[in-house]
């Protein structure tokens, strides 16, 4: 949230610009990223996203969706981890999308693109090997539930949905919704009060 109470999933943030640059070290990568007011985690990599990246398993030549990309840290890291792969970063927040595009250039990422739009609308008709997301739980279930419910339609058989959430902000309830949608949901990493959750399309119920 900004100080004006405006959520970072707002299409056109009205909060006053406060551009900054942060340096991030994760998974052996050194990233320089531009940030600004009105986008999630302006001051640097949040612990939830860091934990998700530590757990993320992507292979070469895979297609990856960074859903609600913010200024792009998850998608940029995933693009560098998947040699020969392709990443689509999406966000409804136009300021965040502009930052993500700039950060792709700054970090010399050629195998990724940014699309503006709400949830899966920018990737209609596309399917991926992985969907990664740090969902905006404070935005409420009307925003978060479709992330889970519509994920399978955008995953190939065996494709994986990766989410991270604070335990005290509903990680277990989120895991239950993932299990209902996919038949199973694993806790693949936990720490600092967060859980990284993973569901696989076509998984057998445990």
C-alpha atoms as a PDB file:
ATOM      1  CA  UNK A   1       0.000   0.000   0.000  1.00  0.00           C
ATOM      2  CA  UNK A   2       1.116   3.539  -0.626  1.00  0.00           C
ATOM      3  CA  UNK A   3       0.667   6.170   2.028  1.00  0.00           C
ATOM      4  CA  UNK A   4      -2.455   7.341   0.175  1.00  0.00           C
ATOM      5  CA  UNK A   5      -4.055   3.918   0.661  1.00  0.00           C
ATOM      6  CA  UNK A   6      -3.724   3.136  -3.025  1.00  0.00           C
ATOM      7  CA  UNK A   7      -2.997  -0.526  -3.727  1.00  0.00           C
ATOM      8  CA  UNK A   8      -0.139  -1.449  -6.041  1.00  0.00           C
ATOM      9  CA  UNK A   9      -2.601  -3.389  -8.229  1.00  0.00           C
ATOM     10  CA  UNK A  10      -4.114  -0.045  -9.296  1.00  0.00           C
ATOM     11  CA  UNK A  11      -3.865   0.399 -13.061  1.00  0.00           C
ATOM     12  CA  UNK A  12      -2.580   3.973 -12.957  1.00  0.00           C
ATOM     13  CA  UNK A  13      -1.041   4.843  -9.574  1.00  0.00           C
ATOM     14  CA  UNK A  14      -1.505   8.463  -8.535  1.00  0.00           C
ATOM     15  CA  UNK A  15       1.096   8.410  -5.755  1.00  0.00           C
ATOM     16  CA  UNK A  16       3.910  10.908  -6.206  1.00  0.00           C
ATOM     17  CA  UNK A  17       6.891   9.455  -8.061  1.00  0.00           C
ATOM     18  CA  UNK A  18       9.878   8.494  -5.911  1.00  0.00           C
ATOM     19  CA  UNK A  19      12.245   6.700  -8.290  1.00  0.00           C
ATOM     20  CA  UNK A  20      15.049   4.641  -6.791  1.00  0.00           C
ATOM     21  CA  UNK A  21      17.426   1.861  -7.758  1.00  0.00           C
ATOM     22  CA  UNK A  22      18.155  -1.287  -5.777  1.00  0.00           C
ATOM     23  CA  UNK A  23      20.774  -4.002  -6.140  1.00  0.00           C
ATOM     24  CA  UNK A  24      19.732  -7.601  -5.503  1.00  0.00           C
ATOM     25  CA  UNK A  25      21.771 -10.778  -5.095  1.00  0.00           C
ATOM     26  CA  UNK A  26      19.779 -13.991  -5.488  1.00  0.00           C
ATOM     27  CA  UNK A  27      20.515 -17.462  -6.912  1.00  0.00           C
ATOM     28  CA  UNK A  28      24.001 -16.320  -7.881  1.00  0.00           C
ATOM     29  CA  UNK A  29      22.573 -13.436  -9.904  1.00  0.00           C
ATOM     30  CA  UNK A  30      23.375  -9.756  -9.440  1.00  0.00           C
ATOM     31  CA  UNK A  31      20.465  -7.580 -10.573  1.00  0.00           C
ATOM     32  CA  UNK A  32      20.132  -3.791 -10.724  1.00  0.00           C
ATOM     33  CA  UNK A  33      16.487  -2.754 -10.633  1.00  0.00           C
ATOM     34  CA  UNK A  34      14.660   0.553 -10.873  1.00  0.00           C
ATOM     35  CA  UNK A  35      11.743   0.967  -8.478  1.00  0.00           C
ATOM     36  CA  UNK A  36       9.252   3.698  -7.649  1.00  0.00           C
ATOM     37  CA  UNK A  37       6.362   4.596  -5.377  1.00  0.00           C
ATOM     38  CA  UNK A  38       3.101   2.844  -6.188  1.00  0.00           C
ATOM     39  CA  UNK A  39       4.707  -0.547  -6.853  1.00  0.00           C
ATOM     40  CA  UNK A  40       5.187  -3.533  -4.558  1.00  0.00           C
ATOM     41  CA  UNK A  41       8.313  -3.702  -2.385  1.00  0.00           C
ATOM     42  CA  UNK A  42       9.842  -0.453  -3.620  1.00  0.00           C
ATOM     43  CA  UNK A  43      12.770  -0.698  -1.188  1.00  0.00           C
ATOM     44  CA  UNK A  44      14.171  -4.009  -2.394  1.00  0.00           C
ATOM     45  CA  UNK A  45      13.530  -7.724  -2.672  1.00  0.00           C
ATOM     46  CA  UNK A  46      10.908  -8.807  -0.143  1.00  0.00           C
ATOM     47  CA  UNK A  47      11.488 -12.007   1.799  1.00  0.00           C
ATOM     48  CA  UNK A  48       8.550 -13.823   0.206  1.00  0.00           C
ATOM     49  CA  UNK A  49       9.816 -13.260  -3.335  1.00  0.00           C
ATOM     50  CA  UNK A  50      13.341 -14.176  -2.239  1.00  0.00           C
ATOM     51  CA  UNK A  51      12.102 -17.457  -0.790  1.00  0.00           C
ATOM     52  CA  UNK A  52      10.126 -18.192  -3.960  1.00  0.00           C
ATOM     53  CA  UNK A  53      13.212 -17.643  -6.099  1.00  0.00           C
ATOM     54  CA  UNK A  54      15.290 -19.857  -3.810  1.00  0.00           C
ATOM     55  CA  UNK A  55      12.762 -22.669  -4.282  1.00  0.00           C
ATOM     56  CA  UNK A  56      12.019 -22.177  -7.982  1.00  0.00           C
ATOM     57  CA  UNK A  57      13.014 -25.073 -10.247  1.00  0.00           C
ATOM     58  CA  UNK A  58      13.090 -24.157 -13.926  1.00  0.00           C
ATOM     59  CA  UNK A  59      14.874 -25.899 -16.754  1.00  0.00           C
ATOM     60  CA  UNK A  60      16.281 -24.740 -20.087  1.00  0.00           C
ATOM     61  CA  UNK A  61      13.967 -23.727 -22.908  1.00  0.00           C
ATOM     62  CA  UNK A  62      10.882 -23.409 -20.710  1.00  0.00           C
ATOM     63  CA  UNK A  63       8.033 -20.912 -21.016  1.00  0.00           C
ATOM     64  CA  UNK A  64       7.361 -19.007 -17.819  1.00  0.00           C
ATOM     65  CA  UNK A  65       4.707 -16.505 -16.755  1.00  0.00           C
ATOM     66  CA  UNK A  66       5.480 -13.947 -14.048  1.00  0.00           C
ATOM     67  CA  UNK A  67       1.955 -12.956 -13.041  1.00  0.00           C
ATOM     68  CA  UNK A  68       1.713  -9.552 -11.369  1.00  0.00           C
ATOM     69  CA  UNK A  69       5.378  -8.868 -12.047  1.00  0.00           C
ATOM     70  CA  UNK A  70       5.803  -5.526 -10.286  1.00  0.00           C
ATOM     71  CA  UNK A  71       9.142  -4.078 -11.348  1.00  0.00           C
ATOM     72  CA  UNK A  72      10.169  -7.488 -12.640  1.00  0.00           C
ATOM     73  CA  UNK A  73      12.471  -9.231 -10.190  1.00  0.00           C
ATOM     74  CA  UNK A  74      10.854 -12.699 -10.390  1.00  0.00           C
ATOM     75  CA  UNK A  75      10.573 -12.724 -14.179  1.00  0.00           C
ATOM     76  CA  UNK A  76      14.058 -11.340 -14.746  1.00  0.00           C
ATOM     77  CA  UNK A  77      15.614 -13.931 -12.449  1.00  0.00           C
ATOM     78  CA  UNK A  78      13.576 -16.718 -14.072  1.00  0.00           C
ATOM     79  CA  UNK A  79      14.673 -15.604 -17.544  1.00  0.00           C
ATOM     80  CA  UNK A  80      18.303 -15.810 -16.502  1.00  0.00           C
ATOM     81  CA  UNK A  81      17.793 -19.224 -14.854  1.00  0.00           C
ATOM     82  CA  UNK A  82      16.077 -20.774 -17.908  1.00  0.00           C
ATOM     83  CA  UNK A  83      18.658 -20.747 -20.687  1.00  0.00           C
ATOM     84  CA  UNK A  84      16.857 -20.631 -24.013  1.00  0.00           C
ATOM     85  CA  UNK A  85      13.518 -20.130 -22.265  1.00  0.00           C
ATOM     86  CA  UNK A  86      11.025 -17.311 -22.626  1.00  0.00           C
ATOM     87  CA  UNK A  87       9.323 -15.312 -19.889  1.00  0.00           C
ATOM     88  CA  UNK A  88       6.199 -13.165 -20.129  1.00  0.00           C
ATOM     89  CA  UNK A  89       5.836 -10.630 -17.324  1.00  0.00           C
ATOM     90  CA  UNK A  90       2.368  -9.168 -16.784  1.00  0.00           C
ATOM     91  CA  UNK A  91       0.976  -6.491 -14.501  1.00  0.00           C
ATOM     92  CA  UNK A  92      -2.150  -4.349 -14.410  1.00  0.00           C
ATOM     93  CA  UNK A  93      -0.075  -1.502 -12.913  1.00  0.00           C
ATOM     94  CA  UNK A  94       1.233   0.556 -15.837  1.00  0.00           C
ATOM     95  CA  UNK A  95       3.983   2.144 -13.728  1.00  0.00           C
ATOM     96  CA  UNK A  96       5.212  -1.299 -12.665  1.00  0.00           C
ATOM     97  CA  UNK A  97       5.144  -2.567 -16.250  1.00  0.00           C
ATOM     98  CA  UNK A  98       7.216   0.395 -17.449  1.00  0.00           C
ATOM     99  CA  UNK A  99       9.767  -0.266 -14.712  1.00  0.00           C
ATOM    100  CA  UNK A 100       9.886  -3.973 -15.621  1.00  0.00           C
ATOM    101  CA  UNK A 101      10.616  -3.103 -19.260  1.00  0.00           C
ATOM    102  CA  UNK A 102      13.412  -0.766 -18.197  1.00  0.00           C
ATOM    103  CA  UNK A 103      14.816  -3.433 -15.887  1.00  0.00           C
ATOM    104  CA  UNK A 104      14.875  -6.012 -18.676  1.00  0.00           C
ATOM    105  CA  UNK A 105      17.097  -3.628 -20.642  1.00  0.00           C
ATOM    106  CA  UNK A 106      19.304  -2.741 -17.670  1.00  0.00           C
ATOM    107  CA  UNK A 107      19.940  -6.406 -16.903  1.00  0.00           C
ATOM    108  CA  UNK A 108      20.454  -7.395 -20.552  1.00  0.00           C
ATOM    109  CA  UNK A 109      17.527  -9.829 -20.609  1.00  0.00           C
ATOM    110  CA  UNK A 110      16.547 -10.597 -24.199  1.00  0.00           C
ATOM    111  CA  UNK A 111      14.370 -13.669 -23.592  1.00  0.00           C
ATOM    112  CA  UNK A 112      11.486 -11.894 -21.860  1.00  0.00           C
ATOM    113  CA  UNK A 113       8.699  -9.411 -22.589  1.00  0.00           C
ATOM    114  CA  UNK A 114       6.267  -7.313 -20.556  1.00  0.00           C
ATOM    115  CA  UNK A 115       2.524  -7.117 -21.200  1.00  0.00           C
ATOM    116  CA  UNK A 116       0.050  -4.819 -19.449  1.00  0.00           C
ATOM    117  CA  UNK A 117      -3.305  -6.145 -18.302  1.00  0.00           C
ATOM    118  CA  UNK A 118      -5.305  -7.755 -15.520  1.00  0.00           C
ATOM    119  CA  UNK A 119      -4.245 -11.236 -14.401  1.00  0.00           C
ATOM    120  CA  UNK A 120      -4.314 -13.689 -17.347  1.00  0.00           C
ATOM    121  CA  UNK A 121      -5.946 -11.339 -19.855  1.00  0.00           C
ATOM    122  CA  UNK A 122      -2.615 -10.394 -21.542  1.00  0.00           C
ATOM    123  CA  UNK A 123      -1.765 -14.081 -22.167  1.00  0.00           C
ATOM    124  CA  UNK A 124      -5.133 -15.310 -23.374  1.00  0.00           C
ATOM    125  CA  UNK A 125      -4.685 -18.499 -25.381  1.00  0.00           C
ATOM    126  CA  UNK A 126      -1.115 -19.121 -24.178  1.00  0.00           C
ATOM    127  CA  UNK A 127       0.142 -21.983 -22.009  1.00  0.00           C
ATOM    128  CA  UNK A 128       3.298 -22.142 -19.901  1.00  0.00           C
ATOM    129  CA  UNK A 129       5.556 -24.600 -18.115  1.00  0.00           C
ATOM    130  CA  UNK A 130       5.543 -22.443 -14.978  1.00  0.00           C
ATOM    131  CA  UNK A 131       3.437 -19.656 -13.504  1.00  0.00           C
ATOM    132  CA  UNK A 132       5.145 -17.756 -10.693  1.00  0.00           C
ATOM    133  CA  UNK A 133       3.422 -15.201  -8.499  1.00  0.00           C
ATOM    134  CA  UNK A 134       3.682 -13.415  -5.165  1.00  0.00           C
ATOM    135  CA  UNK A 135      -0.075 -12.833  -4.911  1.00  0.00           C
ATOM    136  CA  UNK A 136      -1.486  -9.602  -3.441  1.00  0.00           C
ATOM    137  CA  UNK A 137      -3.342 -11.250  -0.557  1.00  0.00           C
ATOM    138  CA  UNK A 138      -4.337  -7.897   0.933  1.00  0.00           C
ATOM    139  CA  UNK A 139      -6.278  -7.119  -2.240  1.00  0.00           C
ATOM    140  CA  UNK A 140      -8.771  -9.804  -1.205  1.00  0.00           C
ATOM    141  CA  UNK A 141     -10.093 -13.069  -2.591  1.00  0.00           C
ATOM    142  CA  UNK A 142     -11.777 -11.389  -5.571  1.00  0.00           C
ATOM    143  CA  UNK A 143      -8.252 -10.732  -6.885  1.00  0.00           C
ATOM    144  CA  UNK A 144      -6.406 -13.764  -5.515  1.00  0.00           C
ATOM    145  CA  UNK A 145      -8.881 -16.585  -6.208  1.00  0.00           C
ATOM    146  CA  UNK A 146      -8.773 -16.219 -10.024  1.00  0.00           C
ATOM    147  CA  UNK A 147      -4.977 -16.541  -9.891  1.00  0.00           C
ATOM    148  CA  UNK A 148      -5.501 -20.104  -8.646  1.00  0.00           C
ATOM    149  CA  UNK A 149      -8.762 -20.970 -10.391  1.00  0.00           C
ATOM    150  CA  UNK A 150      -7.617 -19.909 -13.874  1.00  0.00           C
ATOM    151  CA  UNK A 151      -4.025 -21.139 -13.653  1.00  0.00           C
ATOM    152  CA  UNK A 152      -4.554 -24.657 -15.029  1.00  0.00           C
ATOM    153  CA  UNK A 153      -5.974 -23.249 -18.271  1.00  0.00           C
ATOM    154  CA  UNK A 154      -2.623 -21.509 -18.800  1.00  0.00           C
ATOM    155  CA  UNK A 155      -0.381 -24.451 -17.896  1.00  0.00           C
ATOM    156  CA  UNK A 156       0.768 -27.323 -20.072  1.00  0.00           C
ATOM    157  CA  UNK A 157       0.347 -30.853 -18.761  1.00  0.00           C
ATOM    158  CA  UNK A 158       2.864 -31.179 -15.928  1.00  0.00           C
ATOM    159  CA  UNK A 159       3.174 -27.401 -15.677  1.00  0.00           C
ATOM    160  CA  UNK A 160       3.509 -25.854 -12.243  1.00  0.00           C
ATOM    161  CA  UNK A 161       1.935 -22.972 -10.345  1.00  0.00           C
ATOM    162  CA  UNK A 162       4.301 -21.442  -7.769  1.00  0.00           C
ATOM    163  CA  UNK A 163       2.897 -19.079  -5.114  1.00  0.00           C
ATOM    164  CA  UNK A 164       4.286 -17.626  -1.895  1.00  0.00           C
ATOM    165  CA  UNK A 165       2.344 -16.283   1.071  1.00  0.00           C
ATOM    166  CA  UNK A 166       2.786 -15.348   4.702  1.00  0.00           C
ATOM    167  CA  UNK A 167       1.584 -18.067   7.030  1.00  0.00           C
ATOM    168  CA  UNK A 168      -0.302 -15.501   9.128  1.00  0.00           C
ATOM    169  CA  UNK A 169      -1.925 -13.940   6.049  1.00  0.00           C
ATOM    170  CA  UNK A 170      -3.586 -17.103   4.820  1.00  0.00           C
ATOM    171  CA  UNK A 171      -0.949 -19.368   3.293  1.00  0.00           C
ATOM    172  CA  UNK A 172      -2.746 -22.489   4.512  1.00  0.00           C
ATOM    173  CA  UNK A 173      -6.099 -21.337   3.134  1.00  0.00           C
ATOM    174  CA  UNK A 174      -4.379 -20.543  -0.172  1.00  0.00           C
ATOM    175  CA  UNK A 175      -2.847 -24.009  -0.211  1.00  0.00           C
ATOM    176  CA  UNK A 176      -6.307 -25.536   0.309  1.00  0.00           C
ATOM    177  CA  UNK A 177      -7.681 -23.624  -2.680  1.00  0.00           C
ATOM    178  CA  UNK A 178      -4.725 -24.765  -4.802  1.00  0.00           C
ATOM    179  CA  UNK A 179      -5.327 -28.369  -3.753  1.00  0.00           C
ATOM    180  CA  UNK A 180      -8.990 -28.131  -4.732  1.00  0.00           C
ATOM    181  CA  UNK A 181      -8.105 -26.663  -8.124  1.00  0.00           C
ATOM    182  CA  UNK A 182      -5.219 -29.023  -8.947  1.00  0.00           C
ATOM    183  CA  UNK A 183      -5.770 -32.097  -6.783  1.00  0.00           C
ATOM    184  CA  UNK A 184      -2.636 -31.413  -4.753  1.00  0.00           C
ATOM    185  CA  UNK A 185      -0.507 -28.592  -3.350  1.00  0.00           C
ATOM    186  CA  UNK A 186       2.926 -28.947  -1.791  1.00  0.00           C
ATOM    187  CA  UNK A 187       4.821 -26.750   0.628  1.00  0.00           C
ATOM    188  CA  UNK A 188       8.221 -26.714  -1.077  1.00  0.00           C
ATOM    189  CA  UNK A 189       9.976 -24.125   1.082  1.00  0.00           C
ATOM    190  CA  UNK A 190       9.255 -22.267   4.306  1.00  0.00           C
ATOM    191  CA  UNK A 191      11.043 -19.593   6.277  1.00  0.00           C
ATOM    192  CA  UNK A 192      10.688 -16.170   7.899  1.00  0.00           C
ATOM    193  CA  UNK A 193       6.960 -16.723   8.300  1.00  0.00           C
ATOM    194  CA  UNK A 194       6.363 -17.555   4.616  1.00  0.00           C
ATOM    195  CA  UNK A 195       5.479 -20.693   2.691  1.00  0.00           C
ATOM    196  CA  UNK A 196       6.233 -21.413  -0.957  1.00  0.00           C
ATOM    197  CA  UNK A 197       3.406 -23.466  -2.466  1.00  0.00           C
ATOM    198  CA  UNK A 198       3.433 -25.526  -5.664  1.00  0.00           C
ATOM    199  CA  UNK A 199       0.695 -27.276  -7.616  1.00  0.00           C
ATOM    200  CA  UNK A 200       1.196 -29.317 -10.767  1.00  0.00           C
ATOM    201  CA  UNK A 201      -1.295 -29.697 -13.578  1.00  0.00           C
ATOM    202  CA  UNK A 202      -2.197 -33.357 -13.879  1.00  0.00           C
ATOM    203  CA  UNK A 203      -0.903 -34.273 -10.417  1.00  0.00           C
ATOM    204  CA  UNK A 204      -2.661 -37.119  -8.651  1.00  0.00           C
ATOM    205  CA  UNK A 205      -4.301 -36.216  -5.339  1.00  0.00           C
ATOM    206  CA  UNK A 206      -2.069 -37.209  -2.410  1.00  0.00           C
END
